[in-house]
Amino acid sequence: MIRVVSWNVDSQAPSQPQRAAAAIVHLKEVFGNQPPPLIIMLQEIQPDALKAILADRWIKEHFLTSHAVSDDRLVMMLVTKDIPTQQWFQISLGEGLVEQANLLDVCLSLVKIERWILCADYV
């Protein structure tokens, strides 16, 4: 079973790095030091918060990461290394829009073609 979590870190709130670090601590408490197959989608991250997330030992040890910049905010996907991913990509959400979506193609079965395409955005 793959668990999927979506969390809006709220780019307008004060203390973004601390909020992001607190979110990661909470996720670690919920899913443990050895997380199960897990996809975390984070929205409205400021650059300083991104640095805090990427510096976390739990994140570095267990997750592949990708992020997309939209205006002055970011969206991010974290995927445990035990999930077979096929493609990571970004798309614009429309001509003239600054919003970007961060997408992930996950292979669910090697015998039968079953896939998820997950999208993290904040629109």
N, C-alpha and C. Protein backbone atom coordinates (compact mmCIF):
# COMPACT_ATOMS: atom_id res chain seq x y z
N MET A 1 0.83 -1.16 0.00
CA MET A 1 0.00 0.00 0.00
C MET A 1 0.89 1.24 0.00
N ILE A 2 0.55 2.18 -0.85
CA ILE A 2 1.24 3.47 -0.90
C ILE A 2 0.36 4.51 -0.22
N ARG A 3 0.93 5.20 0.73
CA ARG A 3 0.21 6.28 1.42
C ARG A 3 0.54 7.60 0.74
N VAL A 4 -0.46 8.47 0.63
CA VAL A 4 -0.28 9.78 0.00
C VAL A 4 -0.75 10.85 0.98
N VAL A 5 0.13 11.83 1.22
CA VAL A 5 -0.16 12.93 2.14
C VAL A 5 0.00 14.24 1.38
N SER A 6 -0.94 15.15 1.57
CA SER A 6 -0.84 16.49 0.99
C SER A 6 -0.90 17.50 2.12
N TRP A 7 0.02 18.48 2.09
CA TRP A 7 0.09 19.45 3.19
C TRP A 7 0.39 20.82 2.60
N ASN A 8 -0.45 21.80 2.90
CA ASN A 8 -0.21 23.18 2.51
C ASN A 8 0.52 23.86 3.66
N VAL A 9 1.77 24.21 3.43
CA VAL A 9 2.61 24.78 4.48
C VAL A 9 2.27 26.25 4.72
N ASP A 10 1.56 26.91 3.80
CA ASP A 10 1.05 28.28 3.91
C ASP A 10 2.17 29.31 3.80
N SER A 11 2.41 29.74 2.59
CA SER A 11 3.51 30.67 2.33
C SER A 11 3.31 32.05 2.96
N GLN A 12 2.10 32.39 3.34
CA GLN A 12 1.84 33.70 3.93
C GLN A 12 2.06 33.72 5.44
N ALA A 13 2.14 32.56 6.06
CA ALA A 13 2.31 32.48 7.50
C ALA A 13 3.76 32.82 7.88
N PRO A 14 3.96 33.37 9.07
CA PRO A 14 5.33 33.67 9.51
C PRO A 14 6.11 32.39 9.82
N SER A 15 7.40 32.53 9.92
CA SER A 15 8.31 31.45 10.34
C SER A 15 8.21 30.22 9.45
N GLN A 16 8.31 30.43 8.16
CA GLN A 16 8.20 29.32 7.20
C GLN A 16 9.17 28.17 7.47
N PRO A 17 10.47 28.42 7.68
CA PRO A 17 11.37 27.28 7.92
C PRO A 17 10.96 26.46 9.14
N GLN A 18 10.53 27.14 10.20
CA GLN A 18 10.11 26.44 11.41
C GLN A 18 8.81 25.66 11.16
N ARG A 19 7.88 26.24 10.38
CA ARG A 19 6.63 25.54 10.07
C ARG A 19 6.92 24.28 9.25
N ALA A 20 7.81 24.40 8.28
CA ALA A 20 8.16 23.24 7.45
C ALA A 20 8.84 22.16 8.29
N ALA A 21 9.76 22.58 9.16
CA ALA A 21 10.46 21.62 10.03
C ALA A 21 9.46 20.93 10.96
N ALA A 22 8.49 21.67 11.48
CA ALA A 22 7.48 21.09 12.36
C ALA A 22 6.61 20.09 11.59
N ALA A 23 6.31 20.40 10.34
CA ALA A 23 5.53 19.46 9.51
C ALA A 23 6.29 18.16 9.32
N ILE A 24 7.58 18.26 9.05
CA ILE A 24 8.40 17.06 8.86
C ILE A 24 8.48 16.26 10.16
N VAL A 25 8.64 16.93 11.29
CA VAL A 25 8.67 16.24 12.59
C VAL A 25 7.36 15.49 12.80
N HIS A 26 6.24 16.14 12.50
CA HIS A 26 4.94 15.49 12.66
C HIS A 26 4.82 14.26 11.75
N LEU A 27 5.23 14.40 10.50
CA LEU A 27 5.16 13.27 9.57
C LEU A 27 6.04 12.12 10.04
N LYS A 28 7.19 12.46 10.59
CA LYS A 28 8.09 11.43 11.12
C LYS A 28 7.44 10.72 12.31
N GLU A 29 6.73 11.46 13.15
CA GLU A 29 6.03 10.86 14.28
C GLU A 29 4.91 9.93 13.80
N VAL A 30 4.20 10.34 12.77
CA VAL A 30 3.08 9.55 12.25
C VAL A 30 3.58 8.30 11.53
N PHE A 31 4.62 8.45 10.69
CA PHE A 31 5.04 7.34 9.83
C PHE A 31 6.29 6.60 10.31
N GLY A 32 6.96 7.11 11.33
CA GLY A 32 8.10 6.41 11.92
C GLY A 32 9.42 6.70 11.25
N ASN A 33 10.49 6.27 11.90
CA ASN A 33 11.84 6.49 11.39
C ASN A 33 12.10 5.74 10.10
N GLN A 34 11.41 4.61 9.88
CA GLN A 34 11.50 3.85 8.64
C GLN A 34 10.12 3.95 7.97
N PRO A 35 9.87 4.99 7.21
CA PRO A 35 8.52 5.19 6.67
C PRO A 35 8.11 4.09 5.69
N PRO A 36 6.82 3.78 5.67
CA PRO A 36 6.30 2.84 4.67
C PRO A 36 6.32 3.52 3.31
N PRO A 37 5.96 2.82 2.24
CA PRO A 37 5.86 3.51 0.94
C PRO A 37 4.96 4.73 1.09
N LEU A 38 5.53 5.90 0.80
CA LEU A 38 4.87 7.15 1.14
C LEU A 38 5.18 8.23 0.10
N ILE A 39 4.16 8.97 -0.30
CA ILE A 39 4.32 10.14 -1.16
C ILE A 39 3.79 11.34 -0.39
N ILE A 40 4.62 12.36 -0.25
CA ILE A 40 4.24 13.58 0.45
C ILE A 40 4.24 14.70 -0.57
N MET A 41 3.12 15.41 -0.67
CA MET A 41 3.02 16.57 -1.57
C MET A 41 2.87 17.81 -0.70
N LEU A 42 3.81 18.72 -0.83
CA LEU A 42 3.79 19.96 -0.05
C LEU A 42 3.53 21.15 -0.97
N GLN A 43 2.67 22.06 -0.52
CA GLN A 43 2.36 23.25 -1.30
C GLN A 43 2.72 24.51 -0.52
N GLU A 44 2.89 25.59 -1.27
CA GLU A 44 3.17 26.93 -0.74
C GLU A 44 4.39 26.96 0.18
N ILE A 45 5.49 26.54 -0.37
CA ILE A 45 6.75 26.52 0.37
C ILE A 45 7.60 27.71 -0.07
N GLN A 46 8.15 28.42 0.88
CA GLN A 46 9.10 29.49 0.59
C GLN A 46 10.50 28.89 0.44
N PRO A 47 11.39 29.57 -0.30
CA PRO A 47 12.74 29.02 -0.50
C PRO A 47 13.47 28.66 0.80
N ASP A 48 13.32 29.47 1.85
CA ASP A 48 13.99 29.15 3.12
C ASP A 48 13.44 27.85 3.73
N ALA A 49 12.14 27.64 3.57
CA ALA A 49 11.54 26.41 4.08
C ALA A 49 12.03 25.20 3.28
N LEU A 50 12.22 25.39 1.97
CA LEU A 50 12.74 24.31 1.13
C LEU A 50 14.11 23.86 1.65
N LYS A 51 14.96 24.82 1.99
CA LYS A 51 16.28 24.49 2.53
C LYS A 51 16.16 23.66 3.81
N ALA A 52 15.24 24.03 4.68
CA ALA A 52 15.05 23.29 5.93
C ALA A 52 14.58 21.87 5.66
N ILE A 53 13.68 21.70 4.70
CA ILE A 53 13.17 20.37 4.35
C ILE A 53 14.30 19.51 3.79
N LEU A 54 15.04 20.06 2.84
CA LEU A 54 16.11 19.29 2.19
C LEU A 54 17.26 18.98 3.14
N ALA A 55 17.42 19.76 4.20
CA ALA A 55 18.50 19.52 5.17
C ALA A 55 18.14 18.45 6.19
N ASP A 56 16.87 18.08 6.27
CA ASP A 56 16.43 17.11 7.27
C ASP A 56 17.01 15.72 6.98
N ARG A 57 17.58 15.08 7.98
CA ARG A 57 18.22 13.77 7.81
C ARG A 57 17.23 12.70 7.37
N TRP A 58 16.02 12.70 7.94
CA TRP A 58 14.98 11.73 7.59
C TRP A 58 14.62 11.84 6.11
N ILE A 59 14.50 13.07 5.63
CA ILE A 59 14.19 13.32 4.21
C ILE A 59 15.34 12.82 3.34
N LYS A 60 16.57 13.19 3.68
CA LYS A 60 17.73 12.78 2.89
C LYS A 60 17.89 11.27 2.83
N GLU A 61 17.62 10.63 3.94
CA GLU A 61 17.84 9.18 4.04
C GLU A 61 16.77 8.35 3.31
N HIS A 62 15.51 8.81 3.31
CA HIS A 62 14.42 7.96 2.85
C HIS A 62 13.68 8.44 1.60
N PHE A 63 13.92 9.65 1.13
CA PHE A 63 13.07 10.21 0.08
C PHE A 63 13.84 10.71 -1.14
N LEU A 64 13.20 10.56 -2.29
CA LEU A 64 13.58 11.29 -3.49
C LEU A 64 12.72 12.55 -3.49
N THR A 65 13.25 13.64 -4.00
CA THR A 65 12.50 14.90 -3.94
C THR A 65 12.50 15.61 -5.28
N SER A 66 11.46 16.39 -5.48
CA SER A 66 11.37 17.25 -6.66
C SER A 66 10.53 18.45 -6.28
N HIS A 67 10.86 19.60 -6.84
CA HIS A 67 10.05 20.78 -6.56
C HIS A 67 9.94 21.64 -7.81
N ALA A 68 8.87 22.43 -7.86
CA ALA A 68 8.62 23.34 -8.97
C ALA A 68 8.40 24.73 -8.39
N VAL A 69 8.93 25.74 -9.06
CA VAL A 69 8.78 27.12 -8.61
C VAL A 69 7.59 27.74 -9.32
N SER A 70 6.72 28.35 -8.54
CA SER A 70 5.56 29.07 -9.08
C SER A 70 5.51 30.41 -8.39
N ASP A 71 5.78 31.47 -9.16
CA ASP A 71 5.81 32.81 -8.59
C ASP A 71 6.90 32.82 -7.52
N ASP A 72 6.58 33.14 -6.28
CA ASP A 72 7.59 33.14 -5.22
C ASP A 72 7.40 31.97 -4.27
N ARG A 73 6.57 31.01 -4.67
CA ARG A 73 6.30 29.83 -3.85
C ARG A 73 6.71 28.58 -4.61
N LEU A 74 6.81 27.50 -3.86
CA LEU A 74 7.18 26.22 -4.47
C LEU A 74 6.15 25.16 -4.10
N VAL A 75 6.06 24.17 -4.95
CA VAL A 75 5.36 22.93 -4.62
C VAL A 75 6.41 21.83 -4.65
N MET A 76 6.21 20.82 -3.84
CA MET A 76 7.25 19.81 -3.68
C MET A 76 6.63 18.44 -3.55
N MET A 77 7.31 17.44 -4.10
CA MET A 77 6.92 16.07 -3.92
C MET A 77 8.08 15.30 -3.32
N LEU A 78 7.78 14.49 -2.30
CA LEU A 78 8.77 13.63 -1.66
C LEU A 78 8.24 12.20 -1.78
N VAL A 79 9.07 11.31 -2.25
CA VAL A 79 8.66 9.92 -2.51
C VAL A 79 9.69 9.00 -1.87
N THR A 80 9.21 8.06 -1.05
CA THR A 80 10.16 7.13 -0.45
C THR A 80 10.88 6.37 -1.56
N LYS A 81 12.13 6.06 -1.30
CA LYS A 81 12.99 5.45 -2.31
C LYS A 81 12.56 4.05 -2.73
N ASP A 82 11.64 3.44 -1.98
CA ASP A 82 11.19 2.10 -2.33
C ASP A 82 10.03 2.10 -3.32
N ILE A 83 9.54 3.26 -3.72
CA ILE A 83 8.46 3.34 -4.70
C ILE A 83 9.07 3.47 -6.10
N PRO A 84 8.70 2.58 -7.02
CA PRO A 84 9.26 2.66 -8.38
C PRO A 84 8.62 3.81 -9.17
N THR A 85 9.40 4.86 -9.37
CA THR A 85 8.90 6.01 -10.13
C THR A 85 9.38 5.88 -11.58
N GLN A 86 8.56 6.39 -12.49
CA GLN A 86 8.92 6.32 -13.90
C GLN A 86 9.36 7.68 -14.43
N GLN A 87 8.57 8.70 -14.16
CA GLN A 87 8.90 10.04 -14.65
C GLN A 87 8.53 11.07 -13.60
N TRP A 88 9.31 12.12 -13.54
CA TRP A 88 9.00 13.30 -12.75
C TRP A 88 8.97 14.43 -13.77
N PHE A 89 7.93 15.24 -13.75
CA PHE A 89 7.90 16.35 -14.71
C PHE A 89 7.07 17.49 -14.18
N GLN A 90 7.21 18.64 -14.84
CA GLN A 90 6.50 19.85 -14.45
C GLN A 90 5.77 20.40 -15.66
N ILE A 91 4.60 20.97 -15.42
CA ILE A 91 3.86 21.61 -16.49
C ILE A 91 3.35 22.96 -16.00
N SER A 92 3.16 23.86 -16.94
CA SER A 92 2.52 25.13 -16.64
C SER A 92 1.02 24.90 -16.60
N LEU A 93 0.33 25.58 -15.73
CA LEU A 93 -1.10 25.40 -15.61
C LEU A 93 -1.89 26.32 -16.54
N GLY A 94 -1.22 26.95 -17.46
CA GLY A 94 -1.92 27.75 -18.45
C GLY A 94 -1.06 28.90 -18.96
N GLU A 95 -1.33 29.30 -20.18
CA GLU A 95 -0.58 30.40 -20.78
C GLU A 95 -0.79 31.67 -19.96
N GLY A 96 0.29 32.31 -19.64
CA GLY A 96 0.23 33.54 -18.86
C GLY A 96 0.15 33.32 -17.36
N LEU A 97 0.04 32.08 -16.93
CA LEU A 97 -0.01 31.79 -15.50
C LEU A 97 1.39 31.47 -15.00
N VAL A 98 1.68 31.88 -13.78
CA VAL A 98 3.00 31.57 -13.20
C VAL A 98 2.98 30.24 -12.46
N GLU A 99 1.79 29.70 -12.22
CA GLU A 99 1.69 28.46 -11.47
C GLU A 99 2.24 27.28 -12.27
N GLN A 100 2.96 26.44 -11.59
CA GLN A 100 3.51 25.21 -12.16
C GLN A 100 2.99 24.03 -11.36
N ALA A 101 2.79 22.92 -12.02
CA ALA A 101 2.41 21.70 -11.33
C ALA A 101 3.59 20.74 -11.39
N ASN A 102 3.80 20.03 -10.32
CA ASN A 102 4.87 19.04 -10.19
C ASN A 102 4.19 17.68 -10.28
N LEU A 103 4.54 16.87 -11.28
CA LEU A 103 3.86 15.59 -11.49
C LEU A 103 4.82 14.43 -11.37
N LEU A 104 4.26 13.28 -11.01
CA LEU A 104 5.03 12.07 -10.80
C LEU A 104 4.27 10.91 -11.39
N ASP A 105 4.95 10.08 -12.15
CA ASP A 105 4.37 8.88 -12.74
C ASP A 105 4.90 7.69 -11.94
N VAL A 106 3.99 6.95 -11.29
CA VAL A 106 4.36 5.83 -10.43
C VAL A 106 3.88 4.53 -11.05
N CYS A 107 4.77 3.57 -11.17
CA CYS A 107 4.41 2.24 -11.68
C CYS A 107 3.89 1.40 -10.51
N LEU A 108 2.65 0.93 -10.63
CA LEU A 108 2.05 0.16 -9.54
C LEU A 108 2.16 -1.34 -9.74
N SER A 109 2.39 -1.79 -10.98
CA SER A 109 2.44 -3.23 -11.24
C SER A 109 3.35 -3.48 -12.42
N LEU A 110 4.17 -4.49 -12.32
CA LEU A 110 5.05 -4.84 -13.43
C LEU A 110 4.38 -5.85 -14.37
N VAL A 111 3.36 -6.55 -13.89
CA VAL A 111 2.69 -7.56 -14.69
C VAL A 111 1.62 -6.90 -15.58
N LYS A 112 0.81 -6.09 -15.00
CA LYS A 112 -0.26 -5.40 -15.70
C LYS A 112 0.06 -3.91 -15.64
N ILE A 113 -0.14 -3.21 -16.72
CA ILE A 113 0.18 -1.78 -16.73
C ILE A 113 -0.83 -1.04 -15.86
N GLU A 114 -0.38 -0.63 -14.70
CA GLU A 114 -1.18 0.18 -13.80
C GLU A 114 -0.30 1.33 -13.36
N ARG A 115 -0.82 2.55 -13.50
CA ARG A 115 -0.03 3.73 -13.16
C ARG A 115 -0.88 4.75 -12.45
N TRP A 116 -0.23 5.56 -11.64
CA TRP A 116 -0.82 6.77 -11.07
C TRP A 116 -0.02 7.92 -11.64
N ILE A 117 -0.68 8.97 -11.93
CA ILE A 117 0.02 10.23 -12.17
C ILE A 117 -0.48 11.19 -11.11
N LEU A 118 0.41 11.60 -10.22
CA LEU A 118 0.07 12.47 -9.11
C LEU A 118 0.53 13.88 -9.41
N CYS A 119 -0.25 14.85 -8.96
CA CYS A 119 0.05 16.24 -9.23
C CYS A 119 0.04 17.02 -7.93
N ALA A 120 1.06 17.83 -7.71
CA ALA A 120 1.08 18.75 -6.56
C ALA A 120 1.08 20.17 -7.12
N ASP A 121 0.07 20.93 -6.77
CA ASP A 121 0.04 22.35 -7.12
C ASP A 121 -0.72 23.06 -6.01
N TYR A 122 -0.85 24.37 -6.10
CA TYR A 122 -1.54 25.09 -5.04
C TYR A 122 -2.59 26.03 -5.60
N VAL A 123 -3.05 25.79 -6.80
CA VAL A 123 -4.08 26.66 -7.39
C VAL A 123 -5.43 26.33 -6.82
